[in-house]
Structures are given as C-alpha cells and as structure tokens.
C-alpha atoms as a PDB file:
ATOM      1  CA  MET A   1      -6.761  24.017  -3.135  1.00  0.00           C
ATOM      2  CA  ASP A   2      -8.405  21.550  -5.425  1.00  0.00           C
ATOM      3  CA  HIS A   3      -6.657  19.641  -8.286  1.00  0.00           C
ATOM      4  CA  ALA A   4      -6.702  16.556 -10.323  1.00  0.00           C
ATOM      5  CA  VAL A   5      -4.362  13.423  -9.204  1.00  0.00           C
ATOM      6  CA  PRO A   6      -1.845  13.257 -11.071  1.00  0.00           C
ATOM      7  CA  PRO A   7      -1.393  10.108 -13.338  1.00  0.00           C
ATOM      8  CA  LEU A   8      -0.045   6.541 -11.400  1.00  0.00           C
ATOM      9  CA  GLN A   9       1.436   3.761 -12.312  1.00  0.00           C
ATOM     10  CA  THR A  10       1.872   0.757 -10.443  1.00  0.00           C
ATOM     11  CA  THR A  11       4.180  -2.702  -9.977  1.00  0.00           C
ATOM     12  CA  VAL A  12       3.221  -5.207  -7.575  1.00  0.00           C
ATOM     13  CA  LYS A  13       5.532  -8.060  -6.047  1.00  0.00           C
ATOM     14  CA  LEU A  14       3.437 -10.509  -4.693  1.00  0.00           C
ATOM     15  CA  TYR A  15       5.164 -11.988  -1.380  1.00  0.00           C
ATOM     16  CA  ARG A  16       4.961 -15.993  -0.648  1.00  0.00           C
ATOM     17  CA  ASP A  17       6.259 -16.521   3.063  1.00  0.00           C
ATOM     18  CA  ALA A  18       8.197 -19.882   2.914  1.00  0.00           C
ATOM     19  CA  GLY A  19       6.335 -20.401   6.646  1.00  0.00           C
ATOM     20  CA  GLY A  20       3.020 -20.494   5.332  1.00  0.00           C
ATOM     21  CA  PRO A  21       0.350 -17.904   5.289  1.00  0.00           C
ATOM     22  CA  SER A  22       1.393 -14.264   6.145  1.00  0.00           C
ATOM     23  CA  GLU A  23      -0.756 -10.987   6.363  1.00  0.00           C
ATOM     24  CA  LEU A  24       1.773  -9.567   4.195  1.00  0.00           C
ATOM     25  CA  LEU A  25       0.463  -9.920   0.695  1.00  0.00           C
ATOM     26  CA  GLY A  26       3.192  -7.769  -1.485  1.00  0.00           C
ATOM     27  CA  PHE A  27       5.127  -5.047  -2.079  1.00  0.00           C
ATOM     28  CA  ALA A  28       4.065  -2.078  -4.939  1.00  0.00           C
ATOM     29  CA  GLU A  29       5.713   0.978  -5.977  1.00  0.00           C
ATOM     30  CA  ILE A  30       3.990   3.569  -7.598  1.00  0.00           C
ATOM     31  CA  VAL A  31       5.175   6.567 -10.057  1.00  0.00           C
ATOM     32  CA  ILE A  32       3.595   9.864  -9.996  1.00  0.00           C
ATOM     33  CA  ALA A  33       3.343  11.520 -13.211  1.00  0.00           C
ATOM     34  CA  GLY A  34       6.451   9.952 -14.543  1.00  0.00           C
ATOM     35  CA  SER A  35       8.747  11.763 -12.403  1.00  0.00           C
ATOM     36  CA  PHE A  36       8.523  10.758  -8.883  1.00  0.00           C
ATOM     37  CA  VAL A  37       8.560   7.174  -7.456  1.00  0.00           C
ATOM     38  CA  ILE A  38       7.734   5.585  -3.920  1.00  0.00           C
ATOM     39  CA  LYS A  39       8.761   2.080  -3.174  1.00  0.00           C
ATOM     40  CA  GLY A  40       8.366   0.153  -0.136  1.00  0.00           C
ATOM     41  CA  ILE A  41       4.110   0.237  -0.031  1.00  0.00           C
ATOM     42  CA  ARG A  42       2.982  -2.842   1.590  1.00  0.00           C
ATOM     43  CA  ILE A  43      -0.222  -4.669   0.911  1.00  0.00           C
ATOM     44  CA  ILE A  44      -1.259  -6.435   4.011  1.00  0.00           C
ATOM     45  CA  MET A  45      -4.527  -8.396   4.540  1.00  0.00           C
ATOM     46  CA  GLY A  46      -6.544  -6.639   7.290  1.00  0.00           C
ATOM     47  CA  LYS A  47      -8.414  -8.849  10.087  1.00  0.00           C
ATOM     48  CA  PRO A  48     -12.376  -8.481   9.996  1.00  0.00           C
ATOM     49  CA  LYS A  49     -13.042  -5.672  12.931  1.00  0.00           C
ATOM     50  CA  GLU A  50     -16.805  -5.182  14.126  1.00  0.00           C
ATOM     51  CA  ASP A  51     -16.957  -1.941  12.047  1.00  0.00           C
ATOM     52  CA  LYS A  52     -15.641  -3.329   9.206  1.00  0.00           C
ATOM     53  CA  PRO A  53     -14.938  -6.530   7.072  1.00  0.00           C
ATOM     54  CA  GLY A  54     -11.455  -7.547   6.515  1.00  0.00           C
ATOM     55  CA  GLY A  55      -9.210  -7.214   3.488  1.00  0.00           C
ATOM     56  CA  PRO A  56      -6.186  -5.812   1.768  1.00  0.00           C
ATOM     57  CA  PHE A  57      -5.326  -2.478   2.603  1.00  0.00           C
ATOM     58  CA  ILE A  58      -1.651  -0.442   1.952  1.00  0.00           C
ATOM     59  CA  SER A  59       0.659   0.734   4.346  1.00  0.00           C
ATOM     60  CA  PHE A  60       2.906   3.450   3.274  1.00  0.00           C
ATOM     61  CA  PRO A  61       6.845   3.528   3.840  1.00  0.00           C
ATOM     62  CA  ALA A  62       7.169   4.378   7.469  1.00  0.00           C
ATOM     63  CA  GLN A  63      10.411   4.707   9.872  1.00  0.00           C
ATOM     64  CA  LYS A  64      10.286   4.256  13.725  1.00  0.00           C
ATOM     65  CA  GLY A  65      10.362   7.433  15.739  1.00  0.00           C
ATOM     66  CA  ARG A  66      13.092   8.502  18.262  1.00  0.00           C
ATOM     67  CA  GLY A  67      13.224   9.881  21.582  1.00  0.00           C
ATOM     68  CA  ALA A  68       9.821  10.508  23.528  1.00  0.00           C
ATOM     69  CA  ALA A  69       8.474   8.972  19.895  1.00  0.00           C
ATOM     70  CA  ALA A  70      10.246   5.755  19.793  1.00  0.00           C
ATOM     71  CA  ASP A  71       7.173   3.637  20.664  1.00  0.00           C
ATOM     72  CA  LYS A  72       5.628   5.492  17.043  1.00  0.00           C
ATOM     73  CA  TRP A  73       5.910   4.837  13.382  1.00  0.00           C
ATOM     74  CA  PHE A  74       5.657   7.692  11.215  1.00  0.00           C
ATOM     75  CA  GLU A  75       5.097   7.665   7.326  1.00  0.00           C
ATOM     76  CA  VAL A  76       7.991   9.184   5.294  1.00  0.00           C
ATOM     77  CA  ALA A  77       6.097   9.068   1.849  1.00  0.00           C
ATOM     78  CA  HIS A  78       2.414   9.576   1.605  1.00  0.00           C
ATOM     79  CA  PRO A  79      -0.532  11.108  -0.339  1.00  0.00           C
ATOM     80  CA  VAL A  80      -1.254  14.736   1.043  1.00  0.00           C
ATOM     81  CA  THR A  81      -5.243  14.618   0.361  1.00  0.00           C
ATOM     82  CA  ALA A  82      -7.636  12.061   1.040  1.00  0.00           C
ATOM     83  CA  GLU A  83      -8.569  12.481  -2.678  1.00  0.00           C
ATOM     84  CA  GLU A  84      -4.985  11.352  -3.481  1.00  0.00           C
ATOM     85  CA  ARG A  85      -4.891   8.339  -0.824  1.00  0.00           C
ATOM     86  CA  LYS A  86      -7.902   7.156  -2.133  1.00  0.00           C
ATOM     87  CA  ALA A  87      -6.749   7.542  -5.585  1.00  0.00           C
ATOM     88  CA  VAL A  88      -3.256   5.324  -4.880  1.00  0.00           C
ATOM     89  CA  GLN A  89      -4.765   2.835  -2.774  1.00  0.00           C
ATOM     90  CA  GLU A  90      -7.327   1.818  -5.525  1.00  0.00           C
ATOM     91  CA  CYS A  91      -4.512   1.941  -8.400  1.00  0.00           C
ATOM     92  CA  VAL A  92      -2.459  -0.403  -5.785  1.00  0.00           C
ATOM     93  CA  LEU A  93      -5.107  -2.640  -4.834  1.00  0.00           C
ATOM     94  CA  SER A  94      -5.974  -3.133  -8.363  1.00  0.00           C
ATOM     95  CA  ALA A  95      -2.637  -3.871  -9.519  1.00  0.00           C
ATOM     96  CA  TYR A  96      -2.488  -6.494  -6.628  1.00  0.00           C
ATOM     97  CA  ALA A  97      -5.683  -8.233  -7.544  1.00  0.00           C
ATOM     98  CA  LYS A  98      -4.648  -8.426 -11.497  1.00  0.00           C
ATOM     99  CA  ALA A  99      -1.099  -9.878 -10.006  1.00  0.00           C
ATOM    100  CA  ALA A 100      -2.742 -12.393  -7.767  1.00  0.00           C
ATOM    101  CA  ALA A 101      -5.420 -13.382 -10.223  1.00  0.00           C
ATOM    102  CA  SER A 102      -2.622 -14.178 -12.584  1.00  0.00           C
ATOM    103  CA  THR A 103      -0.833 -16.363  -9.961  1.00  0.00           C
ATOM    104  CA  GLY A 104      -3.810 -18.171  -8.872  1.00  0.00           C
ATOM    105  CA  ARG A 105      -3.713 -16.726  -5.615  1.00  0.00           C
ATOM    106  CA  ALA A 106      -7.157 -14.331  -5.955  1.00  0.00           C
END
C-alpha cells in the first residue's frame, strides 16, 4: 500500500543534565495530520561505530516487556513504514537542530 506521509508538526524541549554532558539531548512530541500526538520521543547522541559515524538519533516511546520478555523493550508508538520513520526522524532532528542553534548548543 503506497501512500503519502501525513503533515507533521514537531515540538522539541532540550535537555540539560545538571551533572554535565549527557547522551540525552532532548525530548520531542510530534503531531500527525493535526489529529494525533506522540509524546516522549527521546533525542539521543549516538556513539560512533565502525560502520557509521555518531550523531543524534531518535527513540520512540517504549515500555519494558513482561515475563519471558522482561529483558526487552518494545516501542508503544512508532511509524509503520520505513518512509514514515525517515520522515519523522528528519522532522524531529531538524527541529532539534533549530532549537539547539537558537540556544548556542549546536
């Protein structure tokens, strides 16, 4: 099923840890098509790895599993397709970059 990504609006709150630098950069909420909101999206600084450079990425809200899956985390709200995931990631990271630049944290 091929369809267009709905309009997205993003709000970002930067995170500042009183203890010093943190991998957690901020939190975002995204409104989808003016009718559905996802809150608690985390913006995290990823560490460089052999196959890719480090940099900010997003993590959708998740909850810890139960029973046999108690050691796993499961996203409770997330895009269904890779195209939608990419659009949300670009939207959130763009809003983060603007917020960080406006406070001199970029």
